[in-house]
Amino acid sequence: MREGLIKKSNLISEYKKNIEIAIKEVEKLLKELEGQTVITSDHGNLYGKHLMFGHPPKMRFKELVTVPWLRIPRKD
């Protein structure tokens, strides 16, 4: 985006597509796993906040250091 090779709207669209792919794979895994499952990440993402995308090094924004996670309860 910095080099003008992709528009902000396209970048956000690609982020969403990536998440959709990941969710489909997680749904497959959930059928195989027993007990509770937690889905997490190694960092957050700015998604355009502070006029930045991704996870720039040495930045301490809340959006980057708060690690997202989702707990999926057991279905027993």
PDB file of N, CA and C in Angstrom:
ATOM      1  N   MET A   1       0.827  -1.174   0.000  1.00  0.00           N
ATOM      2  CA  MET A   1       0.000   0.000   0.000  1.00  0.00           C
ATOM      3  C   MET A   1       0.879   1.248   0.000  1.00  0.00           C
ATOM      4  N   ARG A   2       1.988   1.190   0.757  1.00  0.00           N
ATOM      5  CA  ARG A   2       2.901   2.342   0.788  1.00  0.00           C
ATOM      6  C   ARG A   2       3.441   2.665  -0.597  1.00  0.00           C
ATOM      7  N   GLU A   3       3.700   1.625  -1.384  1.00  0.00           N
ATOM      8  CA  GLU A   3       4.260   1.827  -2.716  1.00  0.00           C
ATOM      9  C   GLU A   3       3.178   2.123  -3.753  1.00  0.00           C
ATOM     10  N   GLY A   4       1.919   2.164  -3.338  1.00  0.00           N
ATOM     11  CA  GLY A   4       0.826   2.454  -4.248  1.00  0.00           C
ATOM     12  C   GLY A   4       0.403   1.277  -5.109  1.00  0.00           C
ATOM     13  N   LEU A   5       0.790   0.073  -4.708  1.00  0.00           N
ATOM     14  CA  LEU A   5       0.471  -1.109  -5.504  1.00  0.00           C
ATOM     15  C   LEU A   5      -0.909  -1.688  -5.193  1.00  0.00           C
ATOM     16  N   ILE A   6      -1.486  -1.296  -4.067  1.00  0.00           N
ATOM     17  CA  ILE A   6      -2.794  -1.808  -3.679  1.00  0.00           C
ATOM     18  C   ILE A   6      -3.549  -0.716  -2.915  1.00  0.00           C
ATOM     19  N   LYS A   7      -4.848  -0.634  -3.134  1.00  0.00           N
ATOM     20  CA  LYS A   7      -5.683   0.343  -2.429  1.00  0.00           C
ATOM     21  C   LYS A   7      -6.027  -0.169  -1.036  1.00  0.00           C
ATOM     22  N   LYS A   8      -6.312   0.762  -0.130  1.00  0.00           N
ATOM     23  CA  LYS A   8      -6.678   0.394   1.241  1.00  0.00           C
ATOM     24  C   LYS A   8      -7.885  -0.547   1.241  1.00  0.00           C
ATOM     25  N   SER A   9      -8.889  -0.261   0.447  1.00  0.00           N
ATOM     26  CA  SER A   9     -10.089  -1.104   0.413  1.00  0.00           C
ATOM     27  C   SER A   9      -9.756  -2.523  -0.044  1.00  0.00           C
ATOM     28  N   ASN A  10      -8.834  -2.660  -0.996  1.00  0.00           N
ATOM     29  CA  ASN A  10      -8.426  -3.995  -1.453  1.00  0.00           C
ATOM     30  C   ASN A  10      -7.640  -4.725  -0.377  1.00  0.00           C
ATOM     31  N   LEU A  11      -6.809  -4.008   0.335  1.00  0.00           N
ATOM     32  CA  LEU A  11      -6.018  -4.620   1.402  1.00  0.00           C
ATOM     33  C   LEU A  11      -6.934  -5.165   2.492  1.00  0.00           C
ATOM     34  N   ILE A  12      -7.912  -4.379   2.902  1.00  0.00           N
ATOM     35  CA  ILE A  12      -8.854  -4.830   3.929  1.00  0.00           C
ATOM     36  C   ILE A  12      -9.648  -6.033   3.417  1.00  0.00           C
ATOM     37  N   SER A  13     -10.041  -6.007   2.159  1.00  0.00           N
ATOM     38  CA  SER A  13     -10.758  -7.134   1.564  1.00  0.00           C
ATOM     39  C   SER A  13      -9.914  -8.408   1.609  1.00  0.00           C
ATOM     40  N   GLU A  14      -8.624  -8.281   1.327  1.00  0.00           N
ATOM     41  CA  GLU A  14      -7.734  -9.449   1.362  1.00  0.00           C
ATOM     42  C   GLU A  14      -7.544  -9.964   2.791  1.00  0.00           C
ATOM     43  N   TYR A  15      -7.463  -9.055   3.763  1.00  0.00           N
ATOM     44  CA  TYR A  15      -7.410  -9.480   5.170  1.00  0.00           C
ATOM     45  C   TYR A  15      -8.641 -10.322   5.506  1.00  0.00           C
ATOM     46  N   LYS A  16      -9.815  -9.850   5.084  1.00  0.00           N
ATOM     47  CA  LYS A  16     -11.067 -10.566   5.373  1.00  0.00           C
ATOM     48  C   LYS A  16     -11.079 -11.935   4.710  1.00  0.00           C
ATOM     49  N   LYS A  17     -10.621 -12.022   3.469  1.00  0.00           N
ATOM     50  CA  LYS A  17     -10.560 -13.311   2.774  1.00  0.00           C
ATOM     51  C   LYS A  17      -9.650 -14.283   3.518  1.00  0.00           C
ATOM     52  N   ASN A  18      -8.522 -13.779   4.008  1.00  0.00           N
ATOM     53  CA  ASN A  18      -7.582 -14.607   4.742  1.00  0.00           C
ATOM     54  C   ASN A  18      -8.226 -15.161   6.021  1.00  0.00           C
ATOM     55  N   ILE A  19      -8.964 -14.316   6.718  1.00  0.00           N
ATOM     56  CA  ILE A  19      -9.642 -14.752   7.938  1.00  0.00           C
ATOM     57  C   ILE A  19     -10.701 -15.800   7.608  1.00  0.00           C
ATOM     58  N   GLU A  20     -11.442 -15.614   6.521  1.00  0.00           N
ATOM     59  CA  GLU A  20     -12.461 -16.589   6.119  1.00  0.00           C
ATOM     60  C   GLU A  20     -11.835 -17.954   5.831  1.00  0.00           C
ATOM     61  N   ILE A  21     -10.693 -17.961   5.164  1.00  0.00           N
ATOM     62  CA  ILE A  21      -9.984 -19.222   4.889  1.00  0.00           C
ATOM     63  C   ILE A  21      -9.576 -19.881   6.201  1.00  0.00           C
ATOM     64  N   ALA A  22      -9.023 -19.094   7.107  1.00  0.00           N
ATOM     65  CA  ALA A  22      -8.589 -19.638   8.400  1.00  0.00           C
ATOM     66  C   ALA A  22      -9.765 -20.205   9.185  1.00  0.00           C
ATOM     67  N   ILE A  23     -10.898 -19.522   9.183  1.00  0.00           N
ATOM     68  CA  ILE A  23     -12.074 -19.987   9.918  1.00  0.00           C
ATOM     69  C   ILE A  23     -12.563 -21.328   9.360  1.00  0.00           C
ATOM     70  N   LYS A  24     -12.567 -21.475   8.043  1.00  0.00           N
ATOM     71  CA  LYS A  24     -12.977 -22.753   7.440  1.00  0.00           C
ATOM     72  C   LYS A  24     -12.071 -23.895   7.900  1.00  0.00           C
ATOM     73  N   GLU A  25     -10.779 -23.641   7.988  1.00  0.00           N
ATOM     74  CA  GLU A  25      -9.843 -24.664   8.441  1.00  0.00           C
ATOM     75  C   GLU A  25     -10.041 -24.974   9.923  1.00  0.00           C
ATOM     76  N   VAL A  26     -10.304 -23.956  10.717  1.00  0.00           N
ATOM     77  CA  VAL A  26     -10.564 -24.158  12.149  1.00  0.00           C
ATOM     78  C   VAL A  26     -11.832 -24.988  12.325  1.00  0.00           C
ATOM     79  N   GLU A  27     -12.864 -24.725  11.532  1.00  0.00           N
ATOM     80  CA  GLU A  27     -14.102 -25.504  11.616  1.00  0.00           C
ATOM     81  C   GLU A  27     -13.831 -26.984  11.364  1.00  0.00           C
ATOM     82  N   LYS A  28     -12.951 -27.292  10.416  1.00  0.00           N
ATOM     83  CA  LYS A  28     -12.575 -28.688  10.159  1.00  0.00           C
ATOM     84  C   LYS A  28     -11.881 -29.287  11.379  1.00  0.00           C
ATOM     85  N   LEU A  29     -10.952 -28.525  11.962  1.00  0.00           N
ATOM     86  CA  LEU A  29     -10.218 -29.010  13.131  1.00  0.00           C
ATOM     87  C   LEU A  29     -11.136 -29.255  14.326  1.00  0.00           C
ATOM     88  N   LEU A  30     -12.109 -28.396  14.511  1.00  0.00           N
ATOM     89  CA  LEU A  30     -13.011 -28.519  15.666  1.00  0.00           C
ATOM     90  C   LEU A  30     -13.758 -29.846  15.664  1.00  0.00           C
ATOM     91  N   LYS A  31     -14.004 -30.399  14.493  1.00  0.00           N
ATOM     92  CA  LYS A  31     -14.677 -31.696  14.398  1.00  0.00           C
ATOM     93  C   LYS A  31     -13.789 -32.826  14.925  1.00  0.00           C
ATOM     94  N   GLU A  32     -12.486 -32.611  14.914  1.00  0.00           N
ATOM     95  CA  GLU A  32     -11.523 -33.630  15.331  1.00  0.00           C
ATOM     96  C   GLU A  32     -11.051 -33.477  16.774  1.00  0.00           C
ATOM     97  N   LEU A  33     -11.165 -32.285  17.327  1.00  0.00           N
ATOM     98  CA  LEU A  33     -10.614 -31.998  18.652  1.00  0.00           C
ATOM     99  C   LEU A  33     -11.624 -32.269  19.759  1.00  0.00           C
ATOM    100  N   GLU A  34     -11.116 -32.742  20.888  1.00  0.00           N
ATOM    101  CA  GLU A  34     -11.962 -32.954  22.063  1.00  0.00           C
ATOM    102  C   GLU A  34     -11.697 -31.830  23.055  1.00  0.00           C
ATOM    103  N   GLY A  35     -12.650 -31.600  23.942  1.00  0.00           N
ATOM    104  CA  GLY A  35     -12.460 -30.592  24.988  1.00  0.00           C
ATOM    105  C   GLY A  35     -12.641 -29.188  24.446  1.00  0.00           C
ATOM    106  N   GLN A  36     -12.179 -28.234  25.239  1.00  0.00           N
ATOM    107  CA  GLN A  36     -12.303 -26.833  24.852  1.00  0.00           C
ATOM    108  C   GLN A  36     -11.182 -26.458  23.886  1.00  0.00           C
ATOM    109  N   THR A  37     -11.476 -25.514  23.040  1.00  0.00           N
ATOM    110  CA  THR A  37     -10.501 -25.047  22.065  1.00  0.00           C
ATOM    111  C   THR A  37     -10.361 -23.535  22.195  1.00  0.00           C
ATOM    112  N   VAL A  38      -9.133 -23.058  22.107  1.00  0.00           N
ATOM    113  CA  VAL A  38      -8.867 -21.620  22.104  1.00  0.00           C
ATOM    114  C   VAL A  38      -8.135 -21.282  20.814  1.00  0.00           C
ATOM    115  N   ILE A  39      -8.646 -20.293  20.116  1.00  0.00           N
ATOM    116  CA  ILE A  39      -8.011 -19.817  18.886  1.00  0.00           C
ATOM    117  C   ILE A  39      -7.345 -18.488  19.227  1.00  0.00           C
ATOM    118  N   THR A  40      -6.071 -18.369  18.881  1.00  0.00           N
ATOM    119  CA  THR A  40      -5.329 -17.176  19.252  1.00  0.00           C
ATOM    120  C   THR A  40      -4.381 -16.760  18.144  1.00  0.00           C
ATOM    121  N   SER A  41      -3.617 -15.749  18.416  1.00  0.00           N
ATOM    122  CA  SER A  41      -2.654 -15.210  17.461  1.00  0.00           C
ATOM    123  C   SER A  41      -1.399 -14.798  18.224  1.00  0.00           C
ATOM    124  N   ASP A  42      -0.345 -14.502  17.506  1.00  0.00           N
ATOM    125  CA  ASP A  42       0.883 -14.076  18.184  1.00  0.00           C
ATOM    126  C   ASP A  42       0.941 -12.565  18.372  1.00  0.00           C
ATOM    127  N   HIS A  43       0.024 -11.828  17.741  1.00  0.00           N
ATOM    128  CA  HIS A  43      -0.028 -10.374  17.882  1.00  0.00           C
ATOM    129  C   HIS A  43      -1.335  -9.874  17.286  1.00  0.00           C
ATOM    130  N   GLY A  44      -1.647  -8.615  17.518  1.00  0.00           N
ATOM    131  CA  GLY A  44      -2.804  -7.993  16.906  1.00  0.00           C
ATOM    132  C   GLY A  44      -2.423  -7.358  15.579  1.00  0.00           C
ATOM    133  N   ASN A  45      -3.299  -6.514  15.065  1.00  0.00           N
ATOM    134  CA  ASN A  45      -3.060  -5.853  13.792  1.00  0.00           C
ATOM    135  C   ASN A  45      -3.690  -4.467  13.840  1.00  0.00           C
ATOM    136  N   LEU A  46      -3.076  -3.519  13.198  1.00  0.00           N
ATOM    137  CA  LEU A  46      -3.575  -2.137  13.257  1.00  0.00           C
ATOM    138  C   LEU A  46      -4.747  -1.872  12.312  1.00  0.00           C
ATOM    139  N   TYR A  47      -4.861  -2.605  11.206  1.00  0.00           N
ATOM    140  CA  TYR A  47      -5.969  -2.431  10.262  1.00  0.00           C
ATOM    141  C   TYR A  47      -6.276  -0.972   9.953  1.00  0.00           C
ATOM    142  N   GLY A  48      -5.258  -0.178   9.763  1.00  0.00           N
ATOM    143  CA  GLY A  48      -5.432   1.213   9.362  1.00  0.00           C
ATOM    144  C   GLY A  48      -5.451   2.220  10.500  1.00  0.00           C
ATOM    145  N   LYS A  49      -5.548   1.740  11.742  1.00  0.00           N
ATOM    146  CA  LYS A  49      -5.505   2.682  12.867  1.00  0.00           C
ATOM    147  C   LYS A  49      -4.108   3.286  12.939  1.00  0.00           C
ATOM    148  N   HIS A  50      -4.034   4.513  13.386  1.00  0.00           N
ATOM    149  CA  HIS A  50      -2.769   5.254  13.471  1.00  0.00           C
ATOM    150  C   HIS A  50      -2.113   5.365  12.090  1.00  0.00           C
ATOM    151  N   LEU A  51      -2.963   5.244  11.054  1.00  0.00           N
ATOM    152  CA  LEU A  51      -2.526   5.326   9.648  1.00  0.00           C
ATOM    153  C   LEU A  51      -1.506   4.252   9.281  1.00  0.00           C
ATOM    154  N   MET A  52      -1.601   3.074   9.952  1.00  0.00           N
ATOM    155  CA  MET A  52      -0.673   1.977   9.678  1.00  0.00           C
ATOM    156  C   MET A  52      -1.443   0.669   9.538  1.00  0.00           C
ATOM    157  N   PHE A  53      -0.833  -0.272   8.829  1.00  0.00           N
ATOM    158  CA  PHE A  53      -1.368  -1.622   8.709  1.00  0.00           C
ATOM    159  C   PHE A  53      -0.315  -2.601   9.185  1.00  0.00           C
ATOM    160  N   GLY A  54      -0.750  -3.808   9.490  1.00  0.00           N
ATOM    161  CA  GLY A  54       0.183  -4.836   9.894  1.00  0.00           C
ATOM    162  C   GLY A  54       0.626  -4.684  11.328  1.00  0.00           C
ATOM    163  N   HIS A  55       1.865  -5.052  11.561  1.00  0.00           N
ATOM    164  CA  HIS A  55       2.428  -4.997  12.900  1.00  0.00           C
ATOM    165  C   HIS A  55       3.877  -4.510  12.825  1.00  0.00           C
ATOM    166  N   PRO A  56       4.028  -3.188  12.673  1.00  0.00           N
ATOM    167  CA  PRO A  56       5.371  -2.616  12.564  1.00  0.00           C
ATOM    168  C   PRO A  56       6.213  -2.909  13.808  1.00  0.00           C
ATOM    169  N   PRO A  57       7.504  -3.169  13.639  1.00  0.00           N
ATOM    170  CA  PRO A  57       8.366  -3.463  14.788  1.00  0.00           C
ATOM    171  C   PRO A  57       8.526  -2.256  15.720  1.00  0.00           C
ATOM    172  N   LYS A  58       8.715  -2.545  16.990  1.00  0.00           N
ATOM    173  CA  LYS A  58       8.983  -1.553  18.036  1.00  0.00           C
ATOM    174  C   LYS A  58       7.825  -0.579  18.254  1.00  0.00           C
ATOM    175  N   MET A  59       6.630  -0.955  17.854  1.00  0.00           N
ATOM    176  CA  MET A  59       5.437  -0.144  18.100  1.00  0.00           C
ATOM    177  C   MET A  59       4.662  -0.786  19.254  1.00  0.00           C
ATOM    178  N   ARG A  60       4.162   0.010  20.176  1.00  0.00           N
ATOM    179  CA  ARG A  60       3.481  -0.516  21.348  1.00  0.00           C
ATOM    180  C   ARG A  60       2.017  -0.081  21.409  1.00  0.00           C
ATOM    181  N   PHE A  61       1.346  -0.033  20.287  1.00  0.00           N
ATOM    182  CA  PHE A  61      -0.065   0.317  20.286  1.00  0.00           C
ATOM    183  C   PHE A  61      -0.874  -0.819  20.909  1.00  0.00           C
ATOM    184  N   LYS A  62      -1.953  -0.461  21.606  1.00  0.00           N
ATOM    185  CA  LYS A  62      -2.816  -1.451  22.244  1.00  0.00           C
ATOM    186  C   LYS A  62      -3.274  -2.513  21.242  1.00  0.00           C
ATOM    187  N   GLU A  63      -3.595  -2.091  20.032  1.00  0.00           N
ATOM    188  CA  GLU A  63      -4.082  -3.022  19.015  1.00  0.00           C
ATOM    189  C   GLU A  63      -3.041  -4.078  18.649  1.00  0.00           C
ATOM    190  N   LEU A  64      -1.777  -3.780  18.861  1.00  0.00           N
ATOM    191  CA  LEU A  64      -0.718  -4.738  18.533  1.00  0.00           C
ATOM    192  C   LEU A  64      -0.367  -5.661  19.687  1.00  0.00           C
ATOM    193  N   VAL A  65      -0.391  -5.135  20.887  1.00  0.00           N
ATOM    194  CA  VAL A  65       0.071  -5.931  22.034  1.00  0.00           C
ATOM    195  C   VAL A  65      -1.057  -6.689  22.732  1.00  0.00           C
ATOM    196  N   THR A  66      -2.311  -6.379  22.403  1.00  0.00           N
ATOM    197  CA  THR A  66      -3.431  -7.147  22.927  1.00  0.00           C
ATOM    198  C   THR A  66      -3.658  -8.309  21.969  1.00  0.00           C
ATOM    199  N   VAL A  67      -3.344  -9.507  22.431  1.00  0.00           N
ATOM    200  CA  VAL A  67      -3.419 -10.679  21.564  1.00  0.00           C
ATOM    201  C   VAL A  67      -4.867 -11.165  21.485  1.00  0.00           C
ATOM    202  N   PRO A  68      -5.412 -11.256  20.270  1.00  0.00           N
ATOM    203  CA  PRO A  68      -6.791 -11.720  20.140  1.00  0.00           C
ATOM    204  C   PRO A  68      -6.902 -13.214  20.427  1.00  0.00           C
ATOM    205  N   TRP A  69      -8.016 -13.623  21.055  1.00  0.00           N
ATOM    206  CA  TRP A  69      -8.272 -15.044  21.240  1.00  0.00           C
ATOM    207  C   TRP A  69      -9.759 -15.286  21.369  1.00  0.00           C
ATOM    208  N   LEU A  70     -10.168 -16.489  21.017  1.00  0.00           N
ATOM    209  CA  LEU A  70     -11.555 -16.895  21.045  1.00  0.00           C
ATOM    210  C   LEU A  70     -11.637 -18.262  21.708  1.00  0.00           C
ATOM    211  N   ARG A  71     -12.426 -18.372  22.765  1.00  0.00           N
ATOM    212  CA  ARG A  71     -12.621 -19.659  23.449  1.00  0.00           C
ATOM    213  C   ARG A  71     -13.879 -20.304  22.893  1.00  0.00           C
ATOM    214  N   ILE A  72     -13.761 -21.563  22.463  1.00  0.00           N
ATOM    215  CA  ILE A  72     -14.897 -22.299  21.942  1.00  0.00           C
ATOM    216  C   ILE A  72     -15.244 -23.380  22.968  1.00  0.00           C
ATOM    217  N   PRO A  73     -16.427 -23.297  23.584  1.00  0.00           N
ATOM    218  CA  PRO A  73     -16.781 -24.255  24.639  1.00  0.00           C
ATOM    219  C   PRO A  73     -16.987 -25.668  24.122  1.00  0.00           C
ATOM    220  N   ARG A  74     -16.891 -26.617  25.022  1.00  0.00           N
ATOM    221  CA  ARG A  74     -17.139 -28.029  24.692  1.00  0.00           C
ATOM    222  C   ARG A  74     -18.583 -28.216  24.310  1.00  0.00           C
ATOM    223  N   LYS A  75     -18.834 -29.223  23.501  1.00  0.00           N
ATOM    224  CA  LYS A  75     -20.204 -29.544  23.080  1.00  0.00           C
ATOM    225  C   LYS A  75     -20.670 -30.865  23.674  1.00  0.00           C
ATOM    226  N   ASP A  76     -20.195 -31.241  24.864  1.00  0.00           N
ATOM    227  CA  ASP A  76     -20.632 -32.522  25.459  1.00  0.00           C
ATOM    228  C   ASP A  76     -21.919 -32.305  26.218  1.00  0.00           C
TER     229      ASP A  76
END
